[in-house]
Amino acid sequence: MSLEINRIYNMNCFDFLDKVENSSVDLIVVDPPYNMRKADWDIFKSHDDFLKFSYQWIDKAIDKLTKDGSFYIFNTPFNSAFLCQYLVSKGLIFQNWITWDKRDGMGSAKRRYSAGQETILFFTKSQKHTFNYDDIRVPYESEERINHAKEKGILKNGKRWFPNPNGRLCGEVWHFTSHRHKSKVNGKVIKMQHITPKPHDLIERIIKASSNPNDIVMDFFMGSGTTAIVAKKLERNFIGCDQDENYVNFATEVLCEMKS
C-alpha cells in the first residue's frame, strides 16, 4: 500500500482511492453522502448526479478489495435500491440487505410512515469471505423458552437442540440507538462533531464479523473517525480519509489518546 496504514488523510475520496494499492484492503465500511441536503458535502444538483458520484467511488473502491474482501455501504433504503443493482452489475456478490432500526426516528411524516431506519448493504468479492458469525451472536428473544431448552433441550427433526450460551445467530434487522440520540443531555440533542456519527457498537459488529485481527479496514468517508477508532480497539489496521480537515484533526486526536 503506497499510503501509510493506521492514518486518516485529509483528502477527497477519489484522490485518496487513486493512491491506495489494488487488492490491499480486507474490509471497506463507508457511510457516504445520502443526498439529503443536510450539509454542503451532501448536496447534489439531482439524483442522477448523486448516483453518478456514487458509482464513481464504487468503481474505484472495488479494485482495492482483496479477492475475498467485504464491502459495507450505509444509505437510505431508496438510494440503496440503486446502489444494490449497480454492485451486482459490477460482479460483486450480494450477501445481505441489513435494516438498521435506529429506535429513535420520530420524524414528522403525515402522508407516509415515519423514517426511522437506514440500510446497510453487505457485498463480497467471493464466497470465501471472512464471516465470524460466532463473534456477533445476539441474545435470544424468548427467555422462557430458552430457559426450558437449557434444561431439557427442544426436539427438532428427531434431534434434541440446546441453545448456544452466547446467543442466537445475528439476523438482518439491527436495533441500535443512533449516536445522536444516545448523547442527549436532559432530553435534548447536543451539537456533535459530525452530524451523522454511527454508533460504535454497530460498527463493531461489522468489523468483528467481516475481518480478523491485523486485517486492513478502509473508510474513505471517515467523518469523525468511528471506523478507525473501532478498528484500532479491535486490533485491526485502518486507513481512510475525509475532505474536512476539522473531522480529520478530531479523529486523529482521539486515536492518539488511545495510544497513551
C-alpha atoms as a PDB file:
ATOM      1  CA  MET A   1       0.000   0.000   0.000  1.00  0.00           C
ATOM      2  CA  SER A   2       1.550   3.303  -1.113  1.00  0.00           C
ATOM      3  CA  LEU A   3      -0.154   5.204   1.737  1.00  0.00           C
ATOM      4  CA  GLU A   4       0.652   4.542   5.388  1.00  0.00           C
ATOM      5  CA  ILE A   5      -1.832   2.416   7.270  1.00  0.00           C
ATOM      6  CA  ASN A   6      -3.299   3.451  10.628  1.00  0.00           C
ATOM      7  CA  ARG A   7      -3.663   7.008   9.423  1.00  0.00           C
ATOM      8  CA  ILE A   8      -6.526   9.236   8.268  1.00  0.00           C
ATOM      9  CA  TYR A   9      -5.770  11.522   5.331  1.00  0.00           C
ATOM     10  CA  ASN A  10      -7.259  14.938   4.615  1.00  0.00           C
ATOM     11  CA  MET A  11      -8.213  14.211   1.000  1.00  0.00           C
ATOM     12  CA  ASN A  12     -11.289  13.735  -1.143  1.00  0.00           C
ATOM     13  CA  CYS A  13     -12.260  10.126  -1.728  1.00  0.00           C
ATOM     14  CA  PHE A  14     -11.182   9.998  -5.385  1.00  0.00           C
ATOM     15  CA  ASP A  15      -7.654  11.316  -4.835  1.00  0.00           C
ATOM     16  CA  PHE A  16      -7.318   9.004  -1.852  1.00  0.00           C
ATOM     17  CA  LEU A  17      -8.502   5.895  -3.691  1.00  0.00           C
ATOM     18  CA  ASP A  18      -6.112   6.621  -6.550  1.00  0.00           C
ATOM     19  CA  LYS A  19      -3.237   6.277  -4.062  1.00  0.00           C
ATOM     20  CA  VAL A  20      -4.415   3.050  -2.391  1.00  0.00           C
ATOM     21  CA  GLU A  21      -2.910  -0.116  -3.840  1.00  0.00           C
ATOM     22  CA  ASN A  22      -5.260  -2.522  -5.586  1.00  0.00           C
ATOM     23  CA  SER A  23      -6.174  -5.751  -3.750  1.00  0.00           C
ATOM     24  CA  SER A  24      -4.794  -4.422  -0.450  1.00  0.00           C
ATOM     25  CA  VAL A  25      -7.899  -3.927   1.714  1.00  0.00           C
ATOM     26  CA  ASP A  26      -9.786  -6.697   3.536  1.00  0.00           C
ATOM     27  CA  LEU A  27     -12.882  -4.737   4.525  1.00  0.00           C
ATOM     28  CA  ILE A  28     -14.485  -1.490   3.367  1.00  0.00           C
ATOM     29  CA  VAL A  29     -17.059   0.236   5.577  1.00  0.00           C
ATOM     30  CA  VAL A  30     -18.435   3.529   4.258  1.00  0.00           C
ATOM     31  CA  ASP A  31     -21.130   5.974   5.291  1.00  0.00           C
ATOM     32  CA  PRO A  32     -21.210   8.170   2.160  1.00  0.00           C
ATOM     33  CA  PRO A  33     -23.403  11.167   1.302  1.00  0.00           C
ATOM     34  CA  TYR A  34     -27.139  10.374   1.154  1.00  0.00           C
ATOM     35  CA  ASN A  35     -28.210  13.398  -0.927  1.00  0.00           C
ATOM     36  CA  MET A  36     -30.344  14.559   2.000  1.00  0.00           C
ATOM     37  CA  ARG A  37     -29.053  18.158   1.733  1.00  0.00           C
ATOM     38  CA  LYS A  38     -28.130  18.325   5.420  1.00  0.00           C
ATOM     39  CA  ALA A  39     -24.600  19.633   4.812  1.00  0.00           C
ATOM     40  CA  ASP A  40     -22.563  21.136   1.979  1.00  0.00           C
ATOM     41  CA  TRP A  41     -20.993  17.761   1.231  1.00  0.00           C
ATOM     42  CA  ASP A  42     -24.441  16.159   0.961  1.00  0.00           C
ATOM     43  CA  ILE A  43     -25.921  18.416  -1.740  1.00  0.00           C
ATOM     44  CA  PHE A  44     -26.171  17.340  -5.390  1.00  0.00           C
ATOM     45  CA  LYS A  45     -27.860  19.015  -8.348  1.00  0.00           C
ATOM     46  CA  SER A  46     -30.043  15.974  -8.974  1.00  0.00           C
ATOM     47  CA  HIS A  47     -30.485  12.342  -8.025  1.00  0.00           C
ATOM     48  CA  ASP A  48     -28.723  11.388 -11.262  1.00  0.00           C
ATOM     49  CA  ASP A  49     -25.689  13.471 -10.233  1.00  0.00           C
ATOM     50  CA  PHE A  50     -25.713  11.777  -6.844  1.00  0.00           C
ATOM     51  CA  LEU A  51     -25.782   8.321  -8.454  1.00  0.00           C
ATOM     52  CA  LYS A  52     -23.003   9.251 -10.888  1.00  0.00           C
ATOM     53  CA  PHE A  53     -20.845  10.347  -7.949  1.00  0.00           C
ATOM     54  CA  SER A  54     -21.666   7.142  -6.033  1.00  0.00           C
ATOM     55  CA  TYR A  55     -20.946   4.829  -8.948  1.00  0.00           C
ATOM     56  CA  GLN A  56     -17.572   6.515  -9.498  1.00  0.00           C
ATOM     57  CA  TRP A  57     -16.329   5.857  -5.972  1.00  0.00           C
ATOM     58  CA  ILE A  58     -17.770   2.341  -6.010  1.00  0.00           C
ATOM     59  CA  ASP A  59     -15.792   1.562  -9.178  1.00  0.00           C
ATOM     60  CA  LYS A  60     -12.544   2.734  -7.606  1.00  0.00           C
ATOM     61  CA  ALA A  61     -13.208   1.031  -4.264  1.00  0.00           C
ATOM     62  CA  ILE A  62     -13.911  -2.420  -5.697  1.00  0.00           C
ATOM     63  CA  ASP A  63     -10.386  -2.631  -7.093  1.00  0.00           C
ATOM     64  CA  LYS A  64      -8.900  -2.011  -3.636  1.00  0.00           C
ATOM     65  CA  LEU A  65     -10.501  -5.082  -2.056  1.00  0.00           C
ATOM     66  CA  THR A  66      -8.625  -8.355  -1.729  1.00  0.00           C
ATOM     67  CA  LYS A  67     -10.038 -11.285  -3.701  1.00  0.00           C
ATOM     68  CA  ASP A  68     -12.103 -12.355  -0.679  1.00  0.00           C
ATOM     69  CA  GLY A  69     -12.808  -8.851   0.653  1.00  0.00           C
ATOM     70  CA  SER A  70     -16.093  -7.462   2.008  1.00  0.00           C
ATOM     71  CA  PHE A  71     -17.908  -4.181   1.305  1.00  0.00           C
ATOM     72  CA  TYR A  72     -20.498  -2.475   3.559  1.00  0.00           C
ATOM     73  CA  ILE A  73     -22.342   0.658   2.418  1.00  0.00           C
ATOM     74  CA  PHE A  74     -24.747   2.752   4.507  1.00  0.00           C
ATOM     75  CA  ASN A  75     -27.523   4.740   2.827  1.00  0.00           C
ATOM     76  CA  THR A  76     -31.259   5.347   2.648  1.00  0.00           C
ATOM     77  CA  PRO A  77     -33.451   2.424   1.518  1.00  0.00           C
ATOM     78  CA  PHE A  78     -34.345   4.352  -1.661  1.00  0.00           C
ATOM     79  CA  ASN A  79     -30.740   5.069  -2.643  1.00  0.00           C
ATOM     80  CA  SER A  80     -29.677   1.562  -1.666  1.00  0.00           C
ATOM     81  CA  ALA A  81     -32.019   0.079  -4.272  1.00  0.00           C
ATOM     82  CA  PHE A  82     -29.947   1.772  -6.994  1.00  0.00           C
ATOM     83  CA  LEU A  83     -26.590   1.029  -5.359  1.00  0.00           C
ATOM     84  CA  CYS A  84     -27.523  -2.625  -4.881  1.00  0.00           C
ATOM     85  CA  GLN A  85     -28.292  -3.081  -8.572  1.00  0.00           C
ATOM     86  CA  TYR A  86     -25.053  -1.361  -9.545  1.00  0.00           C
ATOM     87  CA  LEU A  87     -22.926  -3.504  -7.227  1.00  0.00           C
ATOM     88  CA  VAL A  88     -24.481  -6.652  -8.703  1.00  0.00           C
ATOM     89  CA  SER A  89     -23.760  -5.362 -12.225  1.00  0.00           C
ATOM     90  CA  LYS A  90     -20.084  -4.950 -11.238  1.00  0.00           C
ATOM     91  CA  GLY A  91     -19.829  -8.619 -10.301  1.00  0.00           C
ATOM     92  CA  LEU A  92     -19.934  -8.363  -6.527  1.00  0.00           C
ATOM     93  CA  ILE A  93     -21.854 -10.986  -4.576  1.00  0.00           C
ATOM     94  CA  PHE A  94     -24.898  -9.844  -2.616  1.00  0.00           C
ATOM     95  CA  GLN A  95     -24.938 -11.164   0.941  1.00  0.00           C
ATOM     96  CA  ASN A  96     -27.421  -9.081   2.950  1.00  0.00           C
ATOM     97  CA  TRP A  97     -29.725  -6.069   2.917  1.00  0.00           C
ATOM     98  CA  ILE A  98     -29.418  -5.062   6.568  1.00  0.00           C
ATOM     99  CA  THR A  99     -32.010  -2.789   8.123  1.00  0.00           C
ATOM    100  CA  TRP A 100     -30.723  -0.581  10.917  1.00  0.00           C
ATOM    101  CA  ASP A 101     -33.654   0.250  13.181  1.00  0.00           C
ATOM    102  CA  LYS A 102     -32.467   3.420  14.917  1.00  0.00           C
ATOM    103  CA  ARG A 103     -35.211   3.247  17.557  1.00  0.00           C
ATOM    104  CA  ASP A 104     -35.387   7.000  17.759  1.00  0.00           C
ATOM    105  CA  GLY A 105     -36.740   8.156  14.410  1.00  0.00           C
ATOM    106  CA  MET A 106     -39.561  10.474  15.430  1.00  0.00           C
ATOM    107  CA  GLY A 107     -39.983  12.303  12.127  1.00  0.00           C
ATOM    108  CA  SER A 108     -42.867  14.489  11.064  1.00  0.00           C
ATOM    109  CA  ALA A 109     -44.275  12.497   8.150  1.00  0.00           C
ATOM    110  CA  LYS A 110     -48.055  12.815   7.794  1.00  0.00           C
ATOM    111  CA  ARG A 111     -48.546  11.185   4.382  1.00  0.00           C
ATOM    112  CA  ARG A 112     -46.256   8.176   4.812  1.00  0.00           C
ATOM    113  CA  TYR A 113     -44.644   6.074   7.536  1.00  0.00           C
ATOM    114  CA  SER A 114     -42.003   7.811   9.624  1.00  0.00           C
ATOM    115  CA  ALA A 115     -38.429   7.027   8.539  1.00  0.00           C
ATOM    116  CA  GLY A 116     -36.578   5.529  11.481  1.00  0.00           C
ATOM    117  CA  GLN A 117     -34.220   3.234   9.625  1.00  0.00           C
ATOM    118  CA  GLU A 118     -31.225   3.112   7.339  1.00  0.00           C
ATOM    119  CA  THR A 119     -29.955   0.391   5.022  1.00  0.00           C
ATOM    120  CA  ILE A 120     -26.564  -1.292   5.166  1.00  0.00           C
ATOM    121  CA  LEU A 121     -25.656  -3.214   2.013  1.00  0.00           C
ATOM    122  CA  PHE A 122     -23.282  -6.137   2.522  1.00  0.00           C
ATOM    123  CA  PHE A 123     -21.444  -7.418  -0.569  1.00  0.00           C
ATOM    124  CA  THR A 124     -18.343  -9.554  -1.057  1.00  0.00           C
ATOM    125  CA  LYS A 125     -15.918 -10.311  -3.882  1.00  0.00           C
ATOM    126  CA  SER A 126     -16.162 -14.084  -3.371  1.00  0.00           C
ATOM    127  CA  GLN A 127     -17.954 -16.706  -1.303  1.00  0.00           C
ATOM    128  CA  LYS A 128     -14.747 -17.337   0.662  1.00  0.00           C
ATOM    129  CA  HIS A 129     -15.043 -14.064   2.555  1.00  0.00           C
ATOM    130  CA  THR A 130     -14.405 -13.763   6.277  1.00  0.00           C
ATOM    131  CA  PHE A 131     -17.556 -14.060   8.373  1.00  0.00           C
ATOM    132  CA  ASN A 132     -17.107 -14.645  12.098  1.00  0.00           C
ATOM    133  CA  TYR A 133     -20.726 -15.436  12.953  1.00  0.00           C
ATOM    134  CA  ASP A 134     -19.939 -16.672  16.457  1.00  0.00           C
ATOM    135  CA  ASP A 135     -18.392 -13.306  17.346  1.00  0.00           C
ATOM    136  CA  ILE A 136     -21.630 -11.402  16.715  1.00  0.00           C
ATOM    137  CA  ARG A 137     -24.288 -13.581  18.308  1.00  0.00           C
ATOM    138  CA  VAL A 138     -27.187 -11.723  19.913  1.00  0.00           C
ATOM    139  CA  PRO A 139     -29.422 -12.591  22.892  1.00  0.00           C
ATOM    140  CA  TYR A 140     -32.358 -14.932  22.371  1.00  0.00           C
ATOM    141  CA  GLU A 141     -35.704 -13.143  22.489  1.00  0.00           C
ATOM    142  CA  SER A 142     -37.871 -15.800  24.158  1.00  0.00           C
ATOM    143  CA  GLU A 143     -36.260 -16.080  27.585  1.00  0.00           C
ATOM    144  CA  GLU A 144     -38.818 -18.536  28.975  1.00  0.00           C
ATOM    145  CA  ARG A 145     -38.447 -20.938  26.039  1.00  0.00           C
ATOM    146  CA  ILE A 146     -34.664 -20.719  26.143  1.00  0.00           C
ATOM    147  CA  ASN A 147     -34.532 -21.408  29.891  1.00  0.00           C
ATOM    148  CA  HIS A 148     -36.633 -24.516  29.286  1.00  0.00           C
ATOM    149  CA  ALA A 149     -34.374 -25.565  26.395  1.00  0.00           C
ATOM    150  CA  LYS A 150     -31.262 -25.197  28.561  1.00  0.00           C
ATOM    151  CA  GLU A 151     -32.570 -27.933  30.860  1.00  0.00           C
ATOM    152  CA  LYS A 152     -34.160 -30.433  28.517  1.00  0.00           C
ATOM    153  CA  GLY A 153     -33.476 -29.246  25.014  1.00  0.00           C
ATOM    154  CA  ILE A 154     -36.021 -28.840  22.223  1.00  0.00           C
ATOM    155  CA  LEU A 155     -36.762 -31.724  19.862  1.00  0.00           C
ATOM    156  CA  LYS A 156     -36.094 -30.729  16.241  1.00  0.00           C
ATOM    157  CA  ASN A 157     -36.135 -33.228  13.361  1.00  0.00           C
ATOM    158  CA  GLY A 158     -35.534 -36.113  15.721  1.00  0.00           C
ATOM    159  CA  LYS A 159     -32.598 -34.396  17.446  1.00  0.00           C
ATOM    160  CA  ARG A 160     -32.501 -32.506  20.709  1.00  0.00           C
ATOM    161  CA  TRP A 161     -31.420 -28.881  20.328  1.00  0.00           C
ATOM    162  CA  PHE A 162     -29.816 -26.852  23.112  1.00  0.00           C
ATOM    163  CA  PRO A 163     -29.344 -23.076  22.902  1.00  0.00           C
ATOM    164  CA  ASN A 164     -25.905 -21.628  22.310  1.00  0.00           C
ATOM    165  CA  PRO A 165     -24.720 -19.968  25.555  1.00  0.00           C
ATOM    166  CA  ASN A 166     -23.556 -16.949  23.527  1.00  0.00           C
ATOM    167  CA  GLY A 167     -26.952 -16.331  21.946  1.00  0.00           C
ATOM    168  CA  ARG A 168     -28.567 -16.791  18.548  1.00  0.00           C
ATOM    169  CA  LEU A 169     -27.165 -16.019  15.120  1.00  0.00           C
ATOM    170  CA  CYS A 170     -27.415 -12.368  14.107  1.00  0.00           C
ATOM    171  CA  GLY A 171     -30.169 -11.507  11.641  1.00  0.00           C
ATOM    172  CA  GLU A 172     -30.708  -8.722   9.115  1.00  0.00           C
ATOM    173  CA  VAL A 173     -32.590  -6.280  11.355  1.00  0.00           C
ATOM    174  CA  TRP A 174     -30.283  -4.468  13.769  1.00  0.00           C
ATOM    175  CA  HIS A 175     -31.517  -2.442  16.707  1.00  0.00           C
ATOM    176  CA  PHE A 176     -29.100   0.308  17.717  1.00  0.00           C
ATOM    177  CA  THR A 177     -29.996   3.718  19.061  1.00  0.00           C
ATOM    178  CA  SER A 178     -28.294   6.386  16.971  1.00  0.00           C
ATOM    179  CA  HIS A 179     -25.217   8.065  18.455  1.00  0.00           C
ATOM    180  CA  ARG A 180     -27.012  11.398  18.142  1.00  0.00           C
ATOM    181  CA  HIS A 181     -29.809  10.324  20.472  1.00  0.00           C
ATOM    182  CA  LYS A 182     -27.522   8.379  22.819  1.00  0.00           C
ATOM    183  CA  SER A 183     -25.734  11.651  23.517  1.00  0.00           C
ATOM    184  CA  LYS A 184     -28.790  13.646  24.588  1.00  0.00           C
ATOM    185  CA  VAL A 185     -28.448  15.872  27.644  1.00  0.00           C
ATOM    186  CA  ASN A 186     -31.652  16.474  29.623  1.00  0.00           C
ATOM    187  CA  GLY A 187     -33.627  15.110  26.695  1.00  0.00           C
ATOM    188  CA  LYS A 188     -32.070  17.492  24.183  1.00  0.00           C
ATOM    189  CA  VAL A 189     -29.792  16.595  21.281  1.00  0.00           C
ATOM    190  CA  ILE A 190     -26.434  18.311  21.713  1.00  0.00           C
ATOM    191  CA  LYS A 191     -24.246  19.666  18.921  1.00  0.00           C
ATOM    192  CA  MET A 192     -21.817  16.979  17.770  1.00  0.00           C
ATOM    193  CA  GLN A 193     -18.513  16.964  15.913  1.00  0.00           C
ATOM    194  CA  HIS A 194     -20.210  15.281  12.928  1.00  0.00           C
ATOM    195  CA  ILE A 195     -23.909  15.452  12.043  1.00  0.00           C
ATOM    196  CA  THR A 196     -24.335  11.719  11.347  1.00  0.00           C
ATOM    197  CA  PRO A 197     -21.916   9.682  13.515  1.00  0.00           C
ATOM    198  CA  LYS A 198     -22.645   5.967  13.569  1.00  0.00           C
ATOM    199  CA  PRO A 199     -22.891   4.073  16.895  1.00  0.00           C
ATOM    200  CA  HIS A 200     -19.628   2.426  17.851  1.00  0.00           C
ATOM    201  CA  ASP A 201     -21.364  -0.854  18.729  1.00  0.00           C
ATOM    202  CA  LEU A 202     -22.923  -1.030  15.259  1.00  0.00           C
ATOM    203  CA  ILE A 203     -19.563  -0.552  13.516  1.00  0.00           C
ATOM    204  CA  GLU A 204     -18.030  -3.019  15.970  1.00  0.00           C
ATOM    205  CA  ARG A 205     -20.469  -5.709  14.817  1.00  0.00           C
ATOM    206  CA  ILE A 206     -19.457  -5.192  11.179  1.00  0.00           C
ATOM    207  CA  ILE A 207     -15.723  -5.219  11.853  1.00  0.00           C
ATOM    208  CA  LYS A 208     -15.914  -8.262  14.131  1.00  0.00           C
ATOM    209  CA  ALA A 209     -17.956 -10.180  11.571  1.00  0.00           C
ATOM    210  CA  SER A 210     -16.033  -9.371   8.401  1.00  0.00           C
ATOM    211  CA  SER A 211     -12.392  -9.031   9.425  1.00  0.00           C
ATOM    212  CA  ASN A 212      -9.750 -10.604  11.621  1.00  0.00           C
ATOM    213  CA  PRO A 213      -7.030  -9.053  13.810  1.00  0.00           C
ATOM    214  CA  ASN A 214      -4.352  -7.278  11.720  1.00  0.00           C
ATOM    215  CA  ASP A 215      -6.623  -7.067   8.659  1.00  0.00           C
ATOM    216  CA  ILE A 216      -6.909  -3.683   6.938  1.00  0.00           C
ATOM    217  CA  VAL A 217     -10.225  -1.829   7.260  1.00  0.00           C
ATOM    218  CA  MET A 218     -10.822   1.142   4.960  1.00  0.00           C
ATOM    219  CA  ASP A 219     -13.286   4.046   5.207  1.00  0.00           C
ATOM    220  CA  PHE A 220     -12.950   6.891   2.700  1.00  0.00           C
ATOM    221  CA  PHE A 221     -15.840   8.892   4.178  1.00  0.00           C
ATOM    222  CA  MET A 222     -14.296   8.772   7.638  1.00  0.00           C
ATOM    223  CA  GLY A 223     -16.103  11.725   9.222  1.00  0.00           C
ATOM    224  CA  SER A 224     -15.267  11.917  12.926  1.00  0.00           C
ATOM    225  CA  GLY A 225     -13.333   8.633  12.790  1.00  0.00           C
ATOM    226  CA  THR A 226     -15.687   5.969  14.160  1.00  0.00           C
ATOM    227  CA  THR A 227     -14.469   3.225  11.803  1.00  0.00           C
ATOM    228  CA  ALA A 228     -10.810   3.897  12.613  1.00  0.00           C
ATOM    229  CA  ILE A 229     -11.447   4.144  16.361  1.00  0.00           C
ATOM    230  CA  VAL A 230     -13.350   0.850  16.479  1.00  0.00           C
ATOM    231  CA  ALA A 231     -10.851  -0.892  14.186  1.00  0.00           C
ATOM    232  CA  LYS A 232      -7.991   0.118  16.469  1.00  0.00           C
ATOM    233  CA  LYS A 233      -9.898  -1.061  19.535  1.00  0.00           C
ATOM    234  CA  LEU A 234     -10.416  -4.462  17.865  1.00  0.00           C
ATOM    235  CA  GLU A 235      -6.732  -4.754  16.848  1.00  0.00           C
ATOM    236  CA  ARG A 236      -7.350  -4.205  13.152  1.00  0.00           C
ATOM    237  CA  ASN A 237      -5.370  -1.864  10.942  1.00  0.00           C
ATOM    238  CA  PHE A 238      -7.225   1.025   9.353  1.00  0.00           C
ATOM    239  CA  ILE A 239      -6.811   3.573   6.616  1.00  0.00           C
ATOM    240  CA  GLY A 240      -9.127   6.270   5.387  1.00  0.00           C
ATOM    241  CA  CYS A 241      -9.760   9.862   4.505  1.00  0.00           C
ATOM    242  CA  ASP A 242     -12.127  12.773   4.813  1.00  0.00           C
ATOM    243  CA  GLN A 243     -12.132  16.053   2.911  1.00  0.00           C
ATOM    244  CA  ASP A 244     -12.982  18.047   6.054  1.00  0.00           C
ATOM    245  CA  GLU A 245      -9.786  18.968   7.905  1.00  0.00           C
ATOM    246  CA  ASN A 246     -11.656  19.518  11.191  1.00  0.00           C
ATOM    247  CA  TYR A 247     -13.025  15.979  11.138  1.00  0.00           C
ATOM    248  CA  VAL A 248      -9.598  14.544  10.371  1.00  0.00           C
ATOM    249  CA  ASN A 249      -7.938  16.509  13.182  1.00  0.00           C
ATOM    250  CA  PHE A 250     -10.632  15.465  15.664  1.00  0.00           C
ATOM    251  CA  ALA A 251     -10.371  11.778  14.756  1.00  0.00           C
ATOM    252  CA  THR A 252      -6.571  11.860  14.818  1.00  0.00           C
ATOM    253  CA  GLU A 253      -6.590  13.370  18.324  1.00  0.00           C
ATOM    254  CA  VAL A 254      -8.903  10.622  19.589  1.00  0.00           C
ATOM    255  CA  LEU A 255      -6.698   7.932  18.039  1.00  0.00           C
ATOM    256  CA  CYS A 256      -3.575   9.454  19.591  1.00  0.00           C
ATOM    257  CA  GLU A 257      -5.237   9.428  23.008  1.00  0.00           C
ATOM    258  CA  MET A 258      -5.979   5.717  22.548  1.00  0.00           C
ATOM    259  CA  LYS A 259      -2.232   5.057  22.207  1.00  0.00           C
ATOM    260  CA  SER A 260      -1.411   6.516  25.600  1.00  0.00           C
END
